[in-house]
Amino acid sequence: MGFPAIDTLLQSEIDQEHIAGAVVQIVKDGMILHRRAYGFAQRYGFGMAPVDPPEPLTPEHLFDLASLTKVFATTFGIMLLVDRGMIDMDAPVHTYLPEFTGAERDKITVRHLLTHTSGLSEWIPLYYHASSSEETYGYIASLPLKYEVGEGRHYSDLGFMLLGYLIERVSERSLDAFLDVNLYEPLGLRHTTFNPLENGVDPSLIAATSHGNPFERRMVYDDAFGYSVDEDPESWDGWRAYTLRGEVNDGNAYYANDGVAGHAGLFSTVDDLQVLVDLLQSGGSHDADTLIRSGVMQEFLSADTLGDNGLGWALDPEIIQTRGAPPGTFGHTGFTGTSVVVMPALDLSIILLTNRQNVGSDDSGAYYNLNPTRQRLVGNVLEQLGD
């Protein structure tokens, strides 16, 4: 089955330099309907110098998954530990991280972290205060809450960093080692890793992202950019001055957590991600082996009390750009230009990986908004499958 409308859509985005390249994969009923790469793994170098010739992108390239780390690493890690009876999602976080206590923090449960209802700040440039995961955890544990616990959803990178530390404390392994041994290796995933350059991945097999961290730098320096921070911008100056290719784009993951964090840092390919998606679709089974019991997995994919989020996974069609999809659809997006949508009712999944940052930001300092593209992609798939 061909999807000419998708070919046209993604090629147009590349021709207009909204993105450098894209890989898309559509799977229904266990069969790949569409798997294709478009555009370039790297189109520009530092200072927006064109790469001549630009490097073609392939389906085998690894991508910086950004916040897809939250679901394909951290959420799966919590699932595994819940399944083994090592974590109670309704227990206070300080049950597992005893230092995380005092004031309103005592009220925060593991479930609050998973559903972004903990009251923690959405984002802080933690690298202004810490340069290792141990220091970063200590700093987060000292921060006052920004919101009341459980009063609403405030998407928080800090909450998922805490979940990463929690996994490490409970499992007595680093986050990456725990996931390798208990998830990625049993599934036969050979291209899913944190810190790919340190793990022997050829940088030519990784899609390039941003040119340093200009977006985050502006978040800190420019109050009119829409982010309120208290840090003195001049008090830290470790900004990278080169094009990122195999180093995580997210500053808090790179500078403050050595590349391994609960909210960002994972790299993978479309094929490896498909295996993880298939595990979700199968209720936790892989090749006749049960990695996670279906009841545990279903709890993570069911709506919480606010109705638009599961545990880790998003359900709101306005957030994951799935208007027109059937109930039960879930997914997640990543800042680098990645997204995954799963529609259990149709046994359908759509993976879209782009490196939008490599073509630079617009005049406002923002990267291209992929949400309309994500929605058009979903709409095109549903329309064609409905014919």
Protein backbone atom coordinates (compact mmCIF):
# COMPACT_ATOMS: atom_id res chain seq x y z
CA MET A 1 0.00 0.00 0.00
CA GLY A 2 1.34 3.43 -0.91
CA PHE A 3 0.68 6.68 0.87
CA PRO A 4 1.33 9.34 -1.78
CA ALA A 5 -0.25 12.08 0.34
CA ILE A 6 2.29 11.40 3.09
CA ASP A 7 5.15 11.42 0.60
CA THR A 8 3.96 14.81 -0.65
CA LEU A 9 3.44 16.17 2.86
CA LEU A 10 6.88 15.29 4.20
CA GLN A 11 8.77 16.18 1.04
CA SER A 12 7.08 19.56 1.06
CA GLU A 13 8.20 20.16 4.64
CA ILE A 14 11.77 19.36 3.62
CA ASP A 15 11.64 21.50 0.47
CA GLN A 16 10.44 24.45 2.57
CA GLU A 17 13.24 23.75 5.07
CA HIS A 18 10.81 23.30 7.92
CA ILE A 19 12.69 20.08 8.75
CA ALA A 20 15.94 18.56 7.54
CA GLY A 21 14.61 15.04 7.19
CA ALA A 22 12.03 12.54 8.36
CA VAL A 23 11.47 8.84 8.84
CA VAL A 24 7.91 7.55 9.00
CA GLN A 25 6.58 4.08 9.68
CA ILE A 26 2.95 2.97 9.63
CA VAL A 27 2.05 -0.49 10.94
CA LYS A 28 -1.41 -2.08 11.00
CA ASP A 29 -2.34 -5.57 12.18
CA GLY A 30 1.34 -6.36 12.57
CA MET A 31 2.21 -5.47 8.98
CA ILE A 32 4.32 -2.54 7.80
CA LEU A 33 2.21 -0.51 5.39
CA HIS A 34 4.69 2.32 4.89
CA ARG A 35 8.35 2.73 5.90
CA ARG A 36 10.36 5.49 4.29
CA ALA A 37 13.04 8.10 4.90
CA TYR A 38 12.97 11.58 3.38
CA GLY A 39 15.53 14.34 3.23
CA PHE A 40 18.75 14.56 5.13
CA ALA A 41 20.49 13.34 8.26
CA GLN A 42 22.35 16.66 8.30
CA ARG A 43 21.67 19.67 6.12
CA TYR A 44 23.51 22.39 8.04
CA GLY A 45 26.58 22.68 10.22
CA PHE A 46 27.35 25.15 12.98
CA GLY A 47 26.65 28.74 11.98
CA MET A 48 24.08 27.41 9.47
CA ALA A 49 26.81 26.49 7.00
CA PRO A 50 25.24 24.21 4.35
CA VAL A 51 26.58 20.69 4.19
CA ASP A 52 27.58 20.08 0.57
CA PRO A 53 26.33 17.61 -0.36
CA PRO A 54 23.80 17.12 2.46
CA GLU A 55 23.79 13.62 3.91
CA PRO A 56 20.76 11.50 2.96
CA LEU A 57 18.64 10.14 5.79
CA THR A 58 17.81 6.42 5.98
CA PRO A 59 15.37 4.39 8.12
CA GLU A 60 18.43 2.99 9.91
CA HIS A 61 19.49 6.35 11.40
CA LEU A 62 19.25 6.90 15.15
CA PHE A 63 17.35 9.96 16.39
CA ASP A 64 17.56 11.96 19.58
CA LEU A 65 14.12 11.05 20.94
CA ALA A 66 13.91 13.97 23.39
CA SER A 67 10.76 13.52 25.53
CA LEU A 68 9.93 10.17 23.98
CA THR A 69 12.52 9.11 26.58
CA LYS A 70 9.77 9.67 29.15
CA VAL A 71 7.71 6.82 27.72
CA PHE A 72 10.19 4.51 25.95
CA ALA A 73 12.63 4.54 28.85
CA THR A 74 11.29 5.86 32.16
CA THR A 75 7.64 4.82 31.95
CA PHE A 76 8.65 1.34 30.83
CA GLY A 77 11.13 1.19 33.71
CA ILE A 78 8.43 2.05 36.24
CA MET A 79 6.09 -0.49 34.59
CA LEU A 80 8.68 -3.22 35.04
CA LEU A 81 9.22 -2.40 38.71
CA VAL A 82 5.49 -2.14 39.41
CA ASP A 83 4.99 -5.50 37.72
CA ARG A 84 7.63 -7.02 40.01
CA GLY A 85 6.05 -5.54 43.13
CA MET A 86 9.03 -3.28 43.80
CA ILE A 87 7.10 -0.01 43.40
CA ASP A 88 3.64 1.00 44.58
CA MET A 89 2.43 3.85 42.38
CA ASP A 90 0.36 5.32 45.19
CA ALA A 91 3.20 5.34 47.71
CA PRO A 92 4.87 8.66 48.49
CA VAL A 93 7.99 9.32 46.49
CA HIS A 94 9.99 9.58 49.73
CA THR A 95 9.32 5.85 50.26
CA TYR A 96 11.96 5.26 47.60
CA LEU A 97 13.86 8.56 47.70
CA PRO A 98 14.02 9.34 51.44
CA GLU A 99 15.70 12.70 50.83
CA PHE A 100 12.66 13.92 48.92
CA THR A 101 10.66 15.07 51.91
CA GLY A 102 9.50 18.12 53.81
CA ALA A 103 6.80 20.69 53.22
CA GLU A 104 4.34 19.58 50.53
CA ARG A 105 6.76 17.07 48.99
CA ASP A 106 5.56 14.40 51.42
CA LYS A 107 2.23 14.33 49.57
CA ILE A 108 3.71 13.53 46.15
CA THR A 109 3.24 9.94 45.00
CA VAL A 110 4.83 8.05 42.13
CA ARG A 111 1.51 8.36 40.31
CA HIS A 112 1.64 12.15 40.64
CA LEU A 113 5.02 12.16 38.88
CA LEU A 114 3.77 9.92 36.08
CA THR A 115 0.71 12.07 35.47
CA HIS A 116 2.48 15.44 35.75
CA THR A 117 0.34 16.43 38.75
CA SER A 118 3.11 16.62 41.37
CA GLY A 119 3.25 20.41 41.54
CA LEU A 120 6.90 20.50 40.50
CA SER A 121 8.13 23.22 38.17
CA GLU A 122 7.93 22.44 34.48
CA TRP A 123 11.54 23.40 33.69
CA ILE A 124 14.53 25.03 35.32
CA PRO A 125 18.06 25.32 33.86
CA LEU A 126 19.41 22.88 36.43
CA TYR A 127 22.91 23.04 34.96
CA TYR A 128 23.24 26.47 36.56
CA HIS A 129 23.14 24.65 39.90
CA ALA A 130 24.47 21.13 39.30
CA SER A 131 26.83 19.21 37.03
CA SER A 132 26.01 15.57 37.88
CA SER A 133 22.88 13.52 38.45
CA GLU A 134 23.64 13.31 42.18
CA GLU A 135 23.91 17.09 42.48
CA THR A 136 20.85 17.57 40.28
CA TYR A 137 18.72 15.25 42.39
CA GLY A 138 19.81 17.09 45.53
CA TYR A 139 18.88 20.43 44.01
CA ILE A 140 15.46 19.24 42.80
CA ALA A 141 14.77 17.78 46.25
CA SER A 142 15.42 21.20 47.79
CA LEU A 143 13.09 23.18 45.53
CA PRO A 144 9.71 24.46 46.69
CA LEU A 145 6.74 23.28 44.69
CA LYS A 146 5.34 25.61 42.06
CA TYR A 147 1.76 24.29 42.26
CA GLU A 148 -0.47 22.46 44.71
CA VAL A 149 -0.01 18.69 44.62
CA GLY A 150 -2.69 17.11 42.43
CA GLU A 151 -4.45 20.40 41.59
CA GLY A 152 -3.84 20.17 37.85
CA ARG A 153 -1.54 18.91 35.12
CA HIS A 154 1.70 20.81 34.62
CA TYR A 155 3.99 18.90 32.26
CA SER A 156 7.24 18.58 34.21
CA ASP A 157 10.67 17.47 33.10
CA LEU A 158 11.74 17.58 36.75
CA GLY A 159 9.12 15.00 37.68
CA PHE A 160 10.45 12.53 35.15
CA MET A 161 14.02 13.17 36.24
CA LEU A 162 12.89 12.12 39.72
CA LEU A 163 11.33 8.96 38.28
CA GLY A 164 14.67 8.15 36.68
CA TYR A 165 16.45 8.55 40.02
CA LEU A 166 13.73 6.45 41.66
CA ILE A 167 14.30 3.61 39.19
CA GLU A 168 18.00 3.74 39.93
CA ARG A 169 17.48 3.69 43.71
CA VAL A 170 14.99 0.82 43.66
CA SER A 171 16.81 -1.32 41.08
CA GLU A 172 20.31 -0.51 42.37
CA ARG A 173 21.41 0.03 38.78
CA SER A 174 21.90 3.09 36.61
CA LEU A 175 18.84 3.93 34.52
CA ASP A 176 20.49 2.96 31.26
CA ALA A 177 21.88 -0.31 32.65
CA PHE A 178 18.54 -1.30 34.17
CA LEU A 179 16.72 -0.73 30.88
CA ASP A 180 19.38 -2.51 28.83
CA VAL A 181 19.25 -5.65 30.95
CA ASN A 182 15.51 -5.78 31.62
CA LEU A 183 13.95 -4.36 28.45
CA TYR A 184 16.10 -3.52 25.45
CA GLU A 185 18.29 -6.64 25.42
CA PRO A 186 15.41 -9.10 26.00
CA LEU A 187 13.64 -7.45 23.05
CA GLY A 188 16.73 -7.70 20.86
CA LEU A 189 17.07 -3.93 20.48
CA ARG A 190 20.57 -3.09 19.25
CA HIS A 191 20.12 0.59 18.43
CA THR A 192 18.39 1.98 21.52
CA THR A 193 20.79 3.68 23.90
CA PHE A 194 21.72 6.70 25.94
CA ASN A 195 25.02 8.40 25.05
CA PRO A 196 25.37 6.63 21.68
CA LEU A 197 28.83 8.03 20.95
CA GLU A 198 30.15 6.58 24.21
CA ASN A 199 28.57 3.26 23.27
CA GLY A 200 30.30 2.92 19.93
CA VAL A 201 27.67 4.26 17.53
CA ASP A 202 29.12 5.84 14.40
CA PRO A 203 28.00 9.50 14.38
CA SER A 204 27.28 9.22 10.65
CA LEU A 205 24.42 6.89 11.63
CA ILE A 206 22.79 9.52 13.86
CA ALA A 207 20.58 12.37 12.64
CA ALA A 208 22.04 15.78 13.52
CA THR A 209 19.95 18.09 15.68
CA SER A 210 20.64 21.63 16.86
CA HIS A 211 23.63 23.92 16.60
CA GLY A 212 24.52 24.17 20.25
CA ASN A 213 21.60 25.06 22.52
CA PRO A 214 20.33 28.39 21.14
CA PHE A 215 16.73 27.80 22.20
CA GLU A 216 17.60 27.04 25.82
CA ARG A 217 20.08 29.89 25.93
CA ARG A 218 17.34 32.26 24.88
CA MET A 219 15.01 30.74 27.49
CA VAL A 220 17.52 31.85 30.11
CA TYR A 221 18.63 35.18 28.64
CA ASP A 222 15.43 36.59 27.15
CA ASP A 223 12.54 37.17 29.56
CA ALA A 224 10.33 38.14 26.63
CA PHE A 225 10.78 34.67 25.08
CA GLY A 226 8.06 33.29 27.33
CA TYR A 227 10.02 31.49 30.04
CA SER A 228 10.51 32.89 33.53
CA VAL A 229 13.79 31.92 35.20
CA ASP A 230 15.49 33.34 38.28
CA GLU A 231 19.06 32.45 37.36
CA ASP A 232 21.64 35.11 36.52
CA PRO A 233 22.34 34.28 32.85
CA GLU A 234 26.00 35.26 33.17
CA SER A 235 26.65 32.94 36.12
CA TRP A 236 27.20 29.90 33.87
CA ASP A 237 28.67 29.72 30.37
CA GLY A 238 29.08 26.13 29.30
CA TRP A 239 27.02 26.43 26.12
CA ARG A 240 28.06 24.11 23.29
CA ALA A 241 29.32 25.79 20.13
CA TYR A 242 29.01 23.03 17.56
CA THR A 243 26.35 21.00 15.78
CA LEU A 244 24.99 18.20 17.94
CA ARG A 245 25.17 14.74 16.46
CA GLY A 246 24.94 11.95 18.99
CA GLU A 247 24.88 14.22 22.02
CA VAL A 248 21.49 14.76 23.61
CA ASN A 249 20.05 18.14 22.72
CA ASP A 250 18.33 18.71 26.06
CA GLY A 251 20.57 20.78 28.32
CA ASN A 252 19.39 19.31 31.62
CA ALA A 253 20.07 15.80 30.32
CA TYR A 254 23.48 16.70 28.87
CA TYR A 255 24.95 19.19 31.31
CA ALA A 256 23.26 18.14 34.55
CA ASN A 257 22.81 14.35 34.15
CA ASP A 258 25.74 13.17 32.02
CA GLY A 259 23.41 12.30 29.15
CA VAL A 260 21.26 9.80 31.06
CA ALA A 261 18.03 11.20 32.49
CA GLY A 262 14.42 10.22 33.04
CA HIS A 263 13.05 12.98 30.84
CA ALA A 264 15.44 12.99 27.84
CA GLY A 265 18.59 11.38 26.48
CA LEU A 266 17.43 8.21 24.71
CA PHE A 267 18.38 7.60 21.06
CA SER A 268 16.78 4.98 18.84
CA THR A 269 15.69 3.96 15.34
CA VAL A 270 12.22 3.56 13.91
CA ASP A 271 12.59 -0.23 13.87
CA ASP A 272 13.57 -0.49 17.53
CA LEU A 273 10.74 1.84 18.52
CA GLN A 274 8.34 -0.37 16.60
CA VAL A 275 9.32 -3.33 18.77
CA LEU A 276 8.49 -1.30 21.87
CA VAL A 277 5.20 -0.16 20.35
CA ASP A 278 4.38 -3.78 19.48
CA LEU A 279 5.03 -4.71 23.11
CA LEU A 280 2.41 -2.16 24.13
CA GLN A 281 0.00 -3.45 21.49
CA SER A 282 0.44 -7.06 22.60
CA GLY A 283 -0.26 -6.36 26.25
CA GLY A 284 3.32 -6.90 27.38
CA SER A 285 4.21 -10.09 25.50
CA HIS A 286 7.08 -10.65 23.07
CA ASP A 287 7.81 -13.92 21.27
CA ALA A 288 5.58 -15.85 23.71
CA ASP A 289 7.39 -14.34 26.71
CA THR A 290 5.58 -12.00 29.08
CA LEU A 291 7.80 -9.05 29.98
CA ILE A 292 5.05 -7.06 31.70
CA ARG A 293 1.65 -8.38 32.76
CA SER A 294 -1.18 -7.05 30.62
CA GLY A 295 -3.11 -5.71 33.63
CA VAL A 296 -0.18 -3.54 34.65
CA MET A 297 0.30 -2.28 31.13
CA GLN A 298 -3.40 -1.50 30.75
CA GLU A 299 -3.36 0.60 33.90
CA PHE A 300 -0.60 2.75 32.42
CA LEU A 301 -2.58 3.24 29.21
CA SER A 302 -5.89 4.13 30.90
CA ALA A 303 -7.11 7.67 31.56
CA ASP A 304 -6.30 9.19 34.93
CA THR A 305 -8.72 11.20 37.05
CA LEU A 306 -8.26 14.28 34.85
CA GLY A 307 -9.18 12.17 31.84
CA ASP A 308 -6.59 13.22 29.26
CA ASN A 309 -3.46 11.36 30.33
CA GLY A 310 -2.46 7.84 31.20
CA LEU A 311 0.62 7.07 33.26
CA GLY A 312 3.40 8.63 31.22
CA TRP A 313 1.46 8.41 27.96
CA ALA A 314 -0.74 11.25 26.68
CA LEU A 315 -4.34 10.61 25.57
CA ASP A 316 -5.48 14.12 24.68
CA PRO A 317 -5.93 14.39 20.87
CA GLU A 318 -5.09 18.09 21.07
CA ILE A 319 -1.72 17.26 22.60
CA ILE A 320 -0.73 14.31 20.42
CA GLN A 321 -2.52 15.60 17.30
CA THR A 322 -4.90 12.70 16.78
CA ARG A 323 -8.24 14.38 16.17
CA GLY A 324 -10.46 11.85 14.38
CA ALA A 325 -8.75 8.83 15.95
CA PRO A 326 -10.79 6.30 17.97
CA PRO A 327 -11.02 6.37 21.79
CA GLY A 328 -8.09 4.75 23.55
CA THR A 329 -5.52 6.29 21.23
CA PHE A 330 -2.33 7.28 23.03
CA GLY A 331 1.02 8.78 22.13
CA HIS A 332 3.79 11.22 22.94
CA THR A 333 5.92 13.88 21.26
CA GLY A 334 9.53 15.00 21.58
CA PHE A 335 11.06 18.48 21.26
CA THR A 336 13.60 17.46 18.62
CA GLY A 337 10.72 16.63 16.25
CA THR A 338 9.72 13.08 17.18
CA SER A 339 6.30 11.57 17.83
CA VAL A 340 4.53 8.24 18.21
CA VAL A 341 0.80 7.51 18.01
CA VAL A 342 -0.80 4.16 18.85
CA MET A 343 -4.45 3.33 18.11
CA PRO A 344 -5.26 0.01 19.81
CA ALA A 345 -8.82 0.02 18.44
CA LEU A 346 -7.42 -0.18 14.91
CA ASP A 347 -4.25 -2.12 15.75
CA LEU A 348 -2.45 0.80 14.14
CA SER A 349 0.69 2.76 14.97
CA ILE A 350 2.38 5.75 13.38
CA ILE A 351 5.97 6.69 14.17
CA LEU A 352 7.34 10.01 12.86
CA LEU A 353 10.96 10.97 13.51
CA THR A 354 12.30 14.29 12.25
CA ASN A 355 15.38 16.42 12.93
CA ARG A 356 13.65 19.78 12.64
CA GLN A 357 16.29 21.58 14.69
CA ASN A 358 19.01 21.10 12.11
CA VAL A 359 17.47 23.71 9.78
CA GLY A 360 17.60 26.29 12.57
CA SER A 361 14.94 28.41 14.22
CA ASP A 362 12.62 31.03 12.77
CA ASP A 363 12.82 34.78 13.31
CA SER A 364 11.12 34.45 16.69
CA GLY A 365 13.73 31.98 17.90
CA ALA A 366 11.35 29.00 17.81
CA TYR A 367 11.70 25.78 15.88
CA TYR A 368 9.11 24.84 13.28
CA ASN A 369 5.78 23.79 14.82
CA LEU A 370 5.22 20.21 13.69
CA ASN A 371 1.77 19.82 15.24
CA PRO A 372 -0.19 20.61 12.05
CA THR A 373 2.04 18.15 10.18
CA ARG A 374 1.47 15.47 12.80
CA GLN A 375 -2.30 15.95 12.55
CA ARG A 376 -2.25 15.89 8.74
CA LEU A 377 -0.21 12.69 8.85
CA VAL A 378 -2.71 11.02 11.17
CA GLY A 379 -5.61 12.31 9.08
CA ASN A 380 -4.07 11.04 5.85
CA VAL A 381 -3.53 7.58 7.31
CA LEU A 382 -7.07 7.34 8.69
CA GLU A 383 -8.55 8.62 5.42
CA GLN A 384 -6.64 6.15 3.27
CA LEU A 385 -7.33 3.19 5.55
CA GLY A 386 -11.02 4.13 5.57
CA ASP A 387 -11.27 3.93 1.77
